[in-house]
Amino acid sequence: GLQDDEHPKFLVNLIDLFLKETPKRFRDLAASLAAGEARAARQLAHTVKGASDNFGGRALQALCLEIEEYVSRGDLKGASSLVEKLEPELASLAKELNLQKERFSPT
């Protein structure tokens, strides 16, 4: 639904941006949790959760929701234990998104 015939590279560019920015957000999330910055950590998890939803990344979205919930309860250590699971979920989603990019890339 995000693909637009007038702007054929829009979806491809959006996917590229998501795949580029998300690992940075993971690092910022881990740093926020380590520093005890609950508000920043919750916002970062929320941001990735929303972006993942836009691309159908249900597993990544669910993991971010779980991190948000841990942070909301004040369990930053519990949230931190989940951060290492983010990269593998993103890698799985990236495979699917790269297939979509091939499908929608103009020739």
PDB file of N, CA and C in Angstrom:
ATOM      1  N   GLY A   1       0.785  -1.189   0.000  1.00  0.00           N
ATOM      2  CA  GLY A   1       0.000   0.000   0.000  1.00  0.00           C
ATOM      3  C   GLY A   1       0.841   1.273   0.000  1.00  0.00           C
ATOM      4  N   LEU A   2       2.118   1.143   0.338  1.00  0.00           N
ATOM      5  CA  LEU A   2       2.987   2.321   0.374  1.00  0.00           C
ATOM      6  C   LEU A   2       3.596   2.630  -0.992  1.00  0.00           C
ATOM      7  N   GLN A   3       3.487   1.679  -1.916  1.00  0.00           N
ATOM      8  CA  GLN A   3       4.070   1.883  -3.234  1.00  0.00           C
ATOM      9  C   GLN A   3       3.205   2.840  -4.041  1.00  0.00           C
ATOM     10  N   ASP A   4       3.860   3.772  -4.718  1.00  0.00           N
ATOM     11  CA  ASP A   4       3.179   4.803  -5.496  1.00  0.00           C
ATOM     12  C   ASP A   4       3.770   4.788  -6.898  1.00  0.00           C
ATOM     13  N   ASP A   5       2.921   4.619  -7.904  1.00  0.00           N
ATOM     14  CA  ASP A   5       3.409   4.560  -9.283  1.00  0.00           C
ATOM     15  C   ASP A   5       4.092   5.852  -9.714  1.00  0.00           C
ATOM     16  N   GLU A   6       3.684   6.979  -9.142  1.00  0.00           N
ATOM     17  CA  GLU A   6       4.319   8.254  -9.497  1.00  0.00           C
ATOM     18  C   GLU A   6       5.705   8.391  -8.876  1.00  0.00           C
ATOM     19  N   HIS A   7       5.937   7.685  -7.784  1.00  0.00           N
ATOM     20  CA  HIS A   7       7.225   7.725  -7.087  1.00  0.00           C
ATOM     21  C   HIS A   7       7.666   6.285  -6.832  1.00  0.00           C
ATOM     22  N   PRO A   8       8.144   5.618  -7.871  1.00  0.00           N
ATOM     23  CA  PRO A   8       8.407   4.183  -7.775  1.00  0.00           C
ATOM     24  C   PRO A   8       9.484   3.801  -6.762  1.00  0.00           C
ATOM     25  N   LYS A   9      10.361   4.712  -6.419  1.00  0.00           N
ATOM     26  CA  LYS A   9      11.425   4.390  -5.468  1.00  0.00           C
ATOM     27  C   LYS A   9      11.051   4.738  -4.030  1.00  0.00           C
ATOM     28  N   PHE A  10       9.857   5.244  -3.804  1.00  0.00           N
ATOM     29  CA  PHE A  10       9.467   5.671  -2.461  1.00  0.00           C
ATOM     30  C   PHE A  10       9.591   4.540  -1.455  1.00  0.00           C
ATOM     31  N   LEU A  11       8.988   3.388  -1.756  1.00  0.00           N
ATOM     32  CA  LEU A  11       9.019   2.266  -0.824  1.00  0.00           C
ATOM     33  C   LEU A  11      10.446   1.749  -0.646  1.00  0.00           C
ATOM     34  N   VAL A  12      11.179   1.671  -1.724  1.00  0.00           N
ATOM     35  CA  VAL A  12      12.570   1.215  -1.650  1.00  0.00           C
ATOM     36  C   VAL A  12      13.373   2.146  -0.750  1.00  0.00           C
ATOM     37  N   ASN A  13      13.193   3.436  -0.914  1.00  0.00           N
ATOM     38  CA  ASN A  13      13.910   4.404  -0.071  1.00  0.00           C
ATOM     39  C   ASN A  13      13.488   4.296   1.387  1.00  0.00           C
ATOM     40  N   LEU A  14      12.217   4.065   1.617  1.00  0.00           N
ATOM     41  CA  LEU A  14      11.702   3.919   2.982  1.00  0.00           C
ATOM     42  C   LEU A  14      12.294   2.677   3.651  1.00  0.00           C
ATOM     43  N   ILE A  15      12.350   1.587   2.919  1.00  0.00           N
ATOM     44  CA  ILE A  15      12.962   0.363   3.447  1.00  0.00           C
ATOM     45  C   ILE A  15      14.431   0.599   3.760  1.00  0.00           C
ATOM     46  N   ASP A  16      15.144   1.232   2.839  1.00  0.00           N
ATOM     47  CA  ASP A  16      16.570   1.509   3.059  1.00  0.00           C
ATOM     48  C   ASP A  16      16.778   2.356   4.308  1.00  0.00           C
ATOM     49  N   LEU A  17      15.957   3.352   4.487  1.00  0.00           N
ATOM     50  CA  LEU A  17      16.073   4.211   5.661  1.00  0.00           C
ATOM     51  C   LEU A  17      15.810   3.416   6.943  1.00  0.00           C
ATOM     52  N   PHE A  18      14.776   2.603   6.939  1.00  0.00           N
ATOM     53  CA  PHE A  18      14.458   1.770   8.097  1.00  0.00           C
ATOM     54  C   PHE A  18      15.631   0.849   8.440  1.00  0.00           C
ATOM     55  N   LEU A  19      16.182   0.182   7.423  1.00  0.00           N
ATOM     56  CA  LEU A  19      17.270  -0.757   7.660  1.00  0.00           C
ATOM     57  C   LEU A  19      18.561  -0.058   8.092  1.00  0.00           C
ATOM     58  N   LYS A  20      18.735   1.169   7.682  1.00  0.00           N
ATOM     59  CA  LYS A  20      19.921   1.935   8.077  1.00  0.00           C
ATOM     60  C   LYS A  20      19.788   2.490   9.494  1.00  0.00           C
ATOM     61  N   GLU A  21      18.630   3.019   9.816  1.00  0.00           N
ATOM     62  CA  GLU A  21      18.442   3.712  11.099  1.00  0.00           C
ATOM     63  C   GLU A  21      18.154   2.778  12.276  1.00  0.00           C
ATOM     64  N   THR A  22      17.539   1.661  12.020  1.00  0.00           N
ATOM     65  CA  THR A  22      17.111   0.803  13.121  1.00  0.00           C
ATOM     66  C   THR A  22      18.278   0.271  13.958  1.00  0.00           C
ATOM     67  N   PRO A  23      19.368  -0.202  13.373  1.00  0.00           N
ATOM     68  CA  PRO A  23      20.482  -0.640  14.221  1.00  0.00           C
ATOM     69  C   PRO A  23      21.031   0.491  15.111  1.00  0.00           C
ATOM     70  N   LYS A  24      21.014   1.715  14.615  1.00  0.00           N
ATOM     71  CA  LYS A  24      21.434   2.857  15.444  1.00  0.00           C
ATOM     72  C   LYS A  24      20.495   3.007  16.629  1.00  0.00           C
ATOM     73  N   ARG A  25      19.213   2.825  16.386  1.00  0.00           N
ATOM     74  CA  ARG A  25      18.239   2.921  17.481  1.00  0.00           C
ATOM     75  C   ARG A  25      18.458   1.807  18.502  1.00  0.00           C
ATOM     76  N   PHE A  26      18.834   0.620  18.034  1.00  0.00           N
ATOM     77  CA  PHE A  26      19.139  -0.479  18.954  1.00  0.00           C
ATOM     78  C   PHE A  26      20.310  -0.098  19.861  1.00  0.00           C
ATOM     79  N   ARG A  27      21.360   0.477  19.273  1.00  0.00           N
ATOM     80  CA  ARG A  27      22.519   0.886  20.076  1.00  0.00           C
ATOM     81  C   ARG A  27      22.140   1.967  21.072  1.00  0.00           C
ATOM     82  N   ASP A  28      21.339   2.927  20.627  1.00  0.00           N
ATOM     83  CA  ASP A  28      20.882   3.991  21.529  1.00  0.00           C
ATOM     84  C   ASP A  28      20.007   3.426  22.647  1.00  0.00           C
ATOM     85  N   LEU A  29      19.191   2.446  22.313  1.00  0.00           N
ATOM     86  CA  LEU A  29      18.339   1.807  23.304  1.00  0.00           C
ATOM     87  C   LEU A  29      19.189   1.112  24.368  1.00  0.00           C
ATOM     88  N   ALA A  30      20.174   0.345  23.929  1.00  0.00           N
ATOM     89  CA  ALA A  30      21.053  -0.351  24.874  1.00  0.00           C
ATOM     90  C   ALA A  30      21.789   0.648  25.760  1.00  0.00           C
ATOM     91  N   ALA A  31      22.256   1.735  25.167  1.00  0.00           N
ATOM     92  CA  ALA A  31      22.969   2.757  25.940  1.00  0.00           C
ATOM     93  C   ALA A  31      22.040   3.438  26.942  1.00  0.00           C
ATOM     94  N   SER A  32      20.825   3.717  26.526  1.00  0.00           N
ATOM     95  CA  SER A  32      19.852   4.343  27.431  1.00  0.00           C
ATOM     96  C   SER A  32      19.539   3.438  28.608  1.00  0.00           C
ATOM     97  N   LEU A  33      19.355   2.162  28.332  1.00  0.00           N
ATOM     98  CA  LEU A  33      19.076   1.215  29.409  1.00  0.00           C
ATOM     99  C   LEU A  33      20.267   1.124  30.359  1.00  0.00           C
ATOM    100  N   ALA A  34      21.466   1.052  29.812  1.00  0.00           N
ATOM    101  CA  ALA A  34      22.672   0.963  30.645  1.00  0.00           C
ATOM    102  C   ALA A  34      22.845   2.200  31.517  1.00  0.00           C
ATOM    103  N   ALA A  35      22.429   3.353  30.996  1.00  0.00           N
ATOM    104  CA  ALA A  35      22.559   4.612  31.728  1.00  0.00           C
ATOM    105  C   ALA A  35      21.374   4.860  32.670  1.00  0.00           C
ATOM    106  N   GLY A  36      20.402   3.974  32.654  1.00  0.00           N
ATOM    107  CA  GLY A  36      19.240   4.143  33.520  1.00  0.00           C
ATOM    108  C   GLY A  36      18.261   5.197  33.043  1.00  0.00           C
ATOM    109  N   GLU A  37      18.313   5.510  31.748  1.00  0.00           N
ATOM    110  CA  GLU A  37      17.439   6.522  31.160  1.00  0.00           C
ATOM    111  C   GLU A  37      16.161   5.863  30.638  1.00  0.00           C
ATOM    112  N   ALA A  38      15.245   5.602  31.548  1.00  0.00           N
ATOM    113  CA  ALA A  38      14.030   4.852  31.217  1.00  0.00           C
ATOM    114  C   ALA A  38      13.186   5.555  30.162  1.00  0.00           C
ATOM    115  N   ARG A  39      13.026   6.839  30.292  1.00  0.00           N
ATOM    116  CA  ARG A  39      12.174   7.568  29.348  1.00  0.00           C
ATOM    117  C   ARG A  39      12.701   7.458  27.916  1.00  0.00           C
ATOM    118  N   ALA A  40      13.998   7.666  27.754  1.00  0.00           N
ATOM    119  CA  ALA A  40      14.606   7.570  26.421  1.00  0.00           C
ATOM    120  C   ALA A  40      14.511   6.146  25.889  1.00  0.00           C
ATOM    121  N   ALA A  41      14.743   5.168  26.758  1.00  0.00           N
ATOM    122  CA  ALA A  41      14.679   3.766  26.345  1.00  0.00           C
ATOM    123  C   ALA A  41      13.271   3.404  25.887  1.00  0.00           C
ATOM    124  N   ARG A  42      12.291   3.839  26.642  1.00  0.00           N
ATOM    125  CA  ARG A  42      10.910   3.527  26.276  1.00  0.00           C
ATOM    126  C   ARG A  42      10.535   4.174  24.939  1.00  0.00           C
ATOM    127  N   GLN A  43      10.972   5.403  24.735  1.00  0.00           N
ATOM    128  CA  GLN A  43      10.672   6.092  23.479  1.00  0.00           C
ATOM    129  C   GLN A  43      11.335   5.396  22.292  1.00  0.00           C
ATOM    130  N   LEU A  44      12.568   4.970  22.463  1.00  0.00           N
ATOM    131  CA  LEU A  44      13.270   4.277  21.378  1.00  0.00           C
ATOM    132  C   LEU A  44      12.583   2.948  21.046  1.00  0.00           C
ATOM    133  N   ALA A  45      12.223   2.194  22.068  1.00  0.00           N
ATOM    134  CA  ALA A  45      11.525   0.927  21.828  1.00  0.00           C
ATOM    135  C   ALA A  45      10.191   1.187  21.130  1.00  0.00           C
ATOM    136  N   HIS A  46       9.508   2.225  21.544  1.00  0.00           N
ATOM    137  CA  HIS A  46       8.220   2.590  20.945  1.00  0.00           C
ATOM    138  C   HIS A  46       8.390   2.973  19.470  1.00  0.00           C
ATOM    139  N   THR A  47       9.426   3.721  19.176  1.00  0.00           N
ATOM    140  CA  THR A  47       9.690   4.152  17.800  1.00  0.00           C
ATOM    141  C   THR A  47       9.961   2.962  16.895  1.00  0.00           C
ATOM    142  N   VAL A  48      10.807   2.047  17.357  1.00  0.00           N
ATOM    143  CA  VAL A  48      11.115   0.858  16.553  1.00  0.00           C
ATOM    144  C   VAL A  48       9.877  -0.024  16.418  1.00  0.00           C
ATOM    145  N   LYS A  49       9.093  -0.101  17.475  1.00  0.00           N
ATOM    146  CA  LYS A  49       7.853  -0.890  17.431  1.00  0.00           C
ATOM    147  C   LYS A  49       6.942  -0.364  16.317  1.00  0.00           C
ATOM    148  N   GLY A  50       6.760   0.930  16.260  1.00  0.00           N
ATOM    149  CA  GLY A  50       5.902   1.527  15.239  1.00  0.00           C
ATOM    150  C   GLY A  50       6.438   1.338  13.837  1.00  0.00           C
ATOM    151  N   ALA A  51       7.732   1.542  13.677  1.00  0.00           N
ATOM    152  CA  ALA A  51       8.340   1.373  12.354  1.00  0.00           C
ATOM    153  C   ALA A  51       8.239  -0.081  11.902  1.00  0.00           C
ATOM    154  N   SER A  52       8.442  -1.001  12.825  1.00  0.00           N
ATOM    155  CA  SER A  52       8.344  -2.425  12.496  1.00  0.00           C
ATOM    156  C   SER A  52       6.939  -2.779  12.050  1.00  0.00           C
ATOM    157  N   ASP A  53       5.968  -2.202  12.699  1.00  0.00           N
ATOM    158  CA  ASP A  53       4.570  -2.440  12.336  1.00  0.00           C
ATOM    159  C   ASP A  53       4.303  -1.984  10.909  1.00  0.00           C
ATOM    160  N   ASN A  54       4.872  -0.861  10.535  1.00  0.00           N
ATOM    161  CA  ASN A  54       4.684  -0.346   9.174  1.00  0.00           C
ATOM    162  C   ASN A  54       5.154  -1.328   8.107  1.00  0.00           C
ATOM    163  N   PHE A  55       6.144  -2.156   8.458  1.00  0.00           N
ATOM    164  CA  PHE A  55       6.716  -3.090   7.493  1.00  0.00           C
ATOM    165  C   PHE A  55       6.299  -4.532   7.739  1.00  0.00           C
ATOM    166  N   GLY A  56       5.348  -4.747   8.623  1.00  0.00           N
ATOM    167  CA  GLY A  56       4.869  -6.096   8.872  1.00  0.00           C
ATOM    168  C   GLY A  56       5.798  -6.927   9.735  1.00  0.00           C
ATOM    169  N   GLY A  57       6.679  -6.289  10.455  1.00  0.00           N
ATOM    170  CA  GLY A  57       7.629  -6.995  11.317  1.00  0.00           C
ATOM    171  C   GLY A  57       7.013  -7.319  12.664  1.00  0.00           C
ATOM    172  N   ARG A  58       6.094  -8.269  12.669  1.00  0.00           N
ATOM    173  CA  ARG A  58       5.340  -8.569  13.891  1.00  0.00           C
ATOM    174  C   ARG A  58       6.223  -9.063  15.033  1.00  0.00           C
ATOM    175  N   ALA A  59       7.215  -9.905  14.743  1.00  0.00           N
ATOM    176  CA  ALA A  59       8.075 -10.429  15.806  1.00  0.00           C
ATOM    177  C   ALA A  59       8.912  -9.309  16.425  1.00  0.00           C
ATOM    178  N   LEU A  60       9.463  -8.440  15.595  1.00  0.00           N
ATOM    179  CA  LEU A  60      10.245  -7.311  16.098  1.00  0.00           C
ATOM    180  C   LEU A  60       9.344  -6.351  16.869  1.00  0.00           C
ATOM    181  N   GLN A  61       8.168  -6.135  16.363  1.00  0.00           N
ATOM    182  CA  GLN A  61       7.194  -5.274  17.038  1.00  0.00           C
ATOM    183  C   GLN A  61       6.862  -5.833  18.423  1.00  0.00           C
ATOM    184  N   ALA A  62       6.606  -7.130  18.508  1.00  0.00           N
ATOM    185  CA  ALA A  62       6.266  -7.757  19.790  1.00  0.00           C
ATOM    186  C   ALA A  62       7.423  -7.669  20.775  1.00  0.00           C
ATOM    187  N   LEU A  63       8.632  -7.836  20.294  1.00  0.00           N
ATOM    188  CA  LEU A  63       9.800  -7.739  21.158  1.00  0.00           C
ATOM    189  C   LEU A  63       9.969  -6.321  21.696  1.00  0.00           C
ATOM    190  N   CYS A  64       9.750  -5.335  20.858  1.00  0.00           N
ATOM    191  CA  CYS A  64       9.833  -3.935  21.300  1.00  0.00           C
ATOM    192  C   CYS A  64       8.736  -3.611  22.305  1.00  0.00           C
ATOM    193  N   LEU A  65       7.565  -4.166  22.096  1.00  0.00           N
ATOM    194  CA  LEU A  65       6.476  -3.976  23.056  1.00  0.00           C
ATOM    195  C   LEU A  65       6.864  -4.567  24.407  1.00  0.00           C
ATOM    196  N   GLU A  66       7.465  -5.734  24.383  1.00  0.00           N
ATOM    197  CA  GLU A  66       7.898  -6.376  25.623  1.00  0.00           C
ATOM    198  C   GLU A  66       8.951  -5.515  26.335  1.00  0.00           C
ATOM    199  N   ILE A  67       9.872  -4.955  25.575  1.00  0.00           N
ATOM    200  CA  ILE A  67      10.883  -4.059  26.162  1.00  0.00           C
ATOM    201  C   ILE A  67      10.201  -2.846  26.775  1.00  0.00           C
ATOM    202  N   GLU A  68       9.263  -2.257  26.048  1.00  0.00           N
ATOM    203  CA  GLU A  68       8.504  -1.117  26.580  1.00  0.00           C
ATOM    204  C   GLU A  68       7.839  -1.464  27.905  1.00  0.00           C
ATOM    205  N   GLU A  69       7.246  -2.637  27.958  1.00  0.00           N
ATOM    206  CA  GLU A  69       6.546  -3.051  29.177  1.00  0.00           C
ATOM    207  C   GLU A  69       7.512  -3.232  30.341  1.00  0.00           C
ATOM    208  N   TYR A  70       8.659  -3.837  30.085  1.00  0.00           N
ATOM    209  CA  TYR A  70       9.676  -3.968  31.134  1.00  0.00           C
ATOM    210  C   TYR A  70      10.086  -2.591  31.657  1.00  0.00           C
ATOM    211  N   VAL A  71      10.354  -1.684  30.731  1.00  0.00           N
ATOM    212  CA  VAL A  71      10.792  -0.343  31.118  1.00  0.00           C
ATOM    213  C   VAL A  71       9.690   0.359  31.911  1.00  0.00           C
ATOM    214  N   SER A  72       8.454   0.207  31.481  1.00  0.00           N
ATOM    215  CA  SER A  72       7.328   0.834  32.187  1.00  0.00           C
ATOM    216  C   SER A  72       7.209   0.338  33.622  1.00  0.00           C
ATOM    217  N   ARG A  73       7.588  -0.921  33.838  1.00  0.00           N
ATOM    218  CA  ARG A  73       7.554  -1.485  35.191  1.00  0.00           C
ATOM    219  C   ARG A  73       8.812  -1.138  35.991  1.00  0.00           C
ATOM    220  N   GLY A  74       9.751  -0.469  35.345  1.00  0.00           N
ATOM    221  CA  GLY A  74      10.992  -0.105  36.022  1.00  0.00           C
ATOM    222  C   GLY A  74      12.033  -1.200  36.009  1.00  0.00           C
ATOM    223  N   ASP A  75      11.829  -2.220  35.212  1.00  0.00           N
ATOM    224  CA  ASP A  75      12.764  -3.343  35.127  1.00  0.00           C
ATOM    225  C   ASP A  75      13.706  -3.138  33.936  1.00  0.00           C
ATOM    226  N   LEU A  76      14.671  -2.256  34.112  1.00  0.00           N
ATOM    227  CA  LEU A  76      15.606  -1.961  33.021  1.00  0.00           C
ATOM    228  C   LEU A  76      16.531  -3.138  32.751  1.00  0.00           C
ATOM    229  N   LYS A  77      16.852  -3.901  33.790  1.00  0.00           N
ATOM    230  CA  LYS A  77      17.697  -5.078  33.604  1.00  0.00           C
ATOM    231  C   LYS A  77      16.969  -6.115  32.739  1.00  0.00           C
ATOM    232  N   GLY A  78      15.692  -6.324  33.014  1.00  0.00           N
ATOM    233  CA  GLY A  78      14.900  -7.243  32.199  1.00  0.00           C
ATOM    234  C   GLY A  78      14.807  -6.777  30.755  1.00  0.00           C
ATOM    235  N   ALA A  79      14.610  -5.473  30.588  1.00  0.00           N
ATOM    236  CA  ALA A  79      14.551  -4.911  29.232  1.00  0.00           C
ATOM    237  C   ALA A  79      15.885  -5.102  28.521  1.00  0.00           C
ATOM    238  N   SER A  80      16.972  -4.878  29.249  1.00  0.00           N
ATOM    239  CA  SER A  80      18.313  -5.033  28.663  1.00  0.00           C
ATOM    240  C   SER A  80      18.555  -6.456  28.188  1.00  0.00           C
ATOM    241  N   SER A  81      18.000  -7.415  28.904  1.00  0.00           N
ATOM    242  CA  SER A  81      18.207  -8.815  28.521  1.00  0.00           C
ATOM    243  C   SER A  81      17.548  -9.145  27.181  1.00  0.00           C
ATOM    244  N   LEU A  82      16.605  -8.333  26.758  1.00  0.00           N
ATOM    245  CA  LEU A  82      15.911  -8.568  25.492  1.00  0.00           C
ATOM    246  C   LEU A  82      16.577  -7.879  24.305  1.00  0.00           C
ATOM    247  N   VAL A  83      17.431  -6.918  24.585  1.00  0.00           N
ATOM    248  CA  VAL A  83      18.041  -6.124  23.511  1.00  0.00           C
ATOM    249  C   VAL A  83      18.832  -6.996  22.546  1.00  0.00           C
ATOM    250  N   GLU A  84      19.486  -8.023  23.064  1.00  0.00           N
ATOM    251  CA  GLU A  84      20.296  -8.880  22.189  1.00  0.00           C
ATOM    252  C   GLU A  84      19.447  -9.655  21.180  1.00  0.00           C
ATOM    253  N   LYS A  85      18.167  -9.741  21.403  1.00  0.00           N
ATOM    254  CA  LYS A  85      17.267 -10.438  20.482  1.00  0.00           C
ATOM    255  C   LYS A  85      16.810  -9.551  19.329  1.00  0.00           C
ATOM    256  N   LEU A  86      17.077  -8.256  19.431  1.00  0.00           N
ATOM    257  CA  LEU A  86      16.599  -7.325  18.405  1.00  0.00           C
ATOM    258  C   LEU A  86      17.282  -7.541  17.056  1.00  0.00           C
ATOM    259  N   GLU A  87      18.598  -7.649  17.054  1.00  0.00           N
ATOM    260  CA  GLU A  87      19.342  -7.783  15.787  1.00  0.00           C
ATOM    261  C   GLU A  87      18.904  -9.000  14.972  1.00  0.00           C
ATOM    262  N   PRO A  88      18.780 -10.194  15.608  1.00  0.00           N
ATOM    263  CA  PRO A  88      18.323 -11.343  14.810  1.00  0.00           C
ATOM    264  C   PRO A  88      16.925 -11.147  14.228  1.00  0.00           C
ATOM    265  N   GLU A  89      16.053 -10.495  14.977  1.00  0.00           N
ATOM    266  CA  GLU A  89      14.710 -10.226  14.452  1.00  0.00           C
ATOM    267  C   GLU A  89      14.763  -9.253  13.285  1.00  0.00           C
ATOM    268  N   LEU A  90      15.623  -8.248  13.401  1.00  0.00           N
ATOM    269  CA  LEU A  90      15.773  -7.293  12.300  1.00  0.00           C
ATOM    270  C   LEU A  90      16.361  -7.994  11.071  1.00  0.00           C
ATOM    271  N   ALA A  91      17.318  -8.881  11.284  1.00  0.00           N
ATOM    272  CA  ALA A  91      17.921  -9.607  10.156  1.00  0.00           C
ATOM    273  C   ALA A  91      16.875 -10.426   9.419  1.00  0.00           C
ATOM    274  N   SER A  92      16.000 -11.051  10.165  1.00  0.00           N
ATOM    275  CA  SER A  92      14.926 -11.830   9.551  1.00  0.00           C
ATOM    276  C   SER A  92      13.987 -10.927   8.751  1.00  0.00           C
ATOM    277  N   LEU A  93      13.616  -9.816   9.341  1.00  0.00           N
ATOM    278  CA  LEU A  93      12.751  -8.865   8.650  1.00  0.00           C
ATOM    279  C   LEU A  93      13.456  -8.272   7.435  1.00  0.00           C
ATOM    280  N   ALA A  94      14.744  -8.009   7.554  1.00  0.00           N
ATOM    281  CA  ALA A  94      15.505  -7.420   6.446  1.00  0.00           C
ATOM    282  C   ALA A  94      15.478  -8.323   5.215  1.00  0.00           C
ATOM    283  N   LYS A  95      15.539  -9.626   5.426  1.00  0.00           N
ATOM    284  CA  LYS A  95      15.465 -10.563   4.293  1.00  0.00           C
ATOM    285  C   LYS A  95      14.166 -10.364   3.524  1.00  0.00           C
ATOM    286  N   GLU A  96      13.082 -10.275   4.265  1.00  0.00           N
ATOM    287  CA  GLU A  96      11.777 -10.083   3.629  1.00  0.00           C
ATOM    288  C   GLU A  96      11.682  -8.724   2.943  1.00  0.00           C
ATOM    289  N   LEU A  97      12.200  -7.710   3.610  1.00  0.00           N
ATOM    290  CA  LEU A  97      12.135  -6.365   3.029  1.00  0.00           C
ATOM    291  C   LEU A  97      12.990  -6.257   1.778  1.00  0.00           C
ATOM    292  N   ASN A  98      14.117  -6.938   1.757  1.00  0.00           N
ATOM    293  CA  ASN A  98      14.960  -6.905   0.568  1.00  0.00           C
ATOM    294  C   ASN A  98      14.278  -7.598  -0.604  1.00  0.00           C
ATOM    295  N   LEU A  99      13.500  -8.629  -0.329  1.00  0.00           N
ATOM    296  CA  LEU A  99      12.704  -9.252  -1.388  1.00  0.00           C
ATOM    297  C   LEU A  99      11.669  -8.269  -1.923  1.00  0.00           C
ATOM    298  N   GLN A 100      11.050  -7.519  -1.024  1.00  0.00           N
ATOM    299  CA  GLN A 100      10.078  -6.502  -1.439  1.00  0.00           C
ATOM    300  C   GLN A 100      10.753  -5.419  -2.274  1.00  0.00           C
ATOM    301  N   LYS A 101      11.955  -5.031  -1.869  1.00  0.00           N
ATOM    302  CA  LYS A 101      12.680  -4.011  -2.639  1.00  0.00           C
ATOM    303  C   LYS A 101      12.893  -4.485  -4.062  1.00  0.00           C
ATOM    304  N   GLU A 102      13.277  -5.743  -4.234  1.00  0.00           N
ATOM    305  CA  GLU A 102      13.474  -6.288  -5.581  1.00  0.00           C
ATOM    306  C   GLU A 102      12.177  -6.236  -6.373  1.00  0.00           C
ATOM    307  N   ARG A 103      11.094  -6.526  -5.714  1.00  0.00           N
ATOM    308  CA  ARG A 103       9.787  -6.548  -6.375  1.00  0.00           C
ATOM    309  C   ARG A 103       9.368  -5.150  -6.845  1.00  0.00           C
ATOM    310  N   PHE A 104       9.674  -4.143  -6.017  1.00  0.00           N
ATOM    311  CA  PHE A 104       9.207  -2.795  -6.317  1.00  0.00           C
ATOM    312  C   PHE A 104      10.253  -1.892  -6.958  1.00  0.00           C
ATOM    313  N   SER A 105      11.485  -2.363  -7.051  1.00  0.00           N
ATOM    314  CA  SER A 105      12.522  -1.531  -7.664  1.00  0.00           C
ATOM    315  C   SER A 105      12.220  -1.342  -9.144  1.00  0.00           C
ATOM    316  N   PRO A 106      12.303  -0.103  -9.584  1.00  0.00           N
ATOM    317  CA  PRO A 106      12.088   0.130 -11.014  1.00  0.00           C
ATOM    318  C   PRO A 106      13.253  -0.447 -11.798  1.00  0.00           C
ATOM    319  N   THR A 107      12.950  -0.969 -12.946  1.00  0.00           N
ATOM    320  CA  THR A 107      13.998  -1.564 -13.769  1.00  0.00           C
ATOM    321  C   THR A 107      14.500  -0.584 -14.793  1.00  0.00           C
TER     322      THR A 107
END
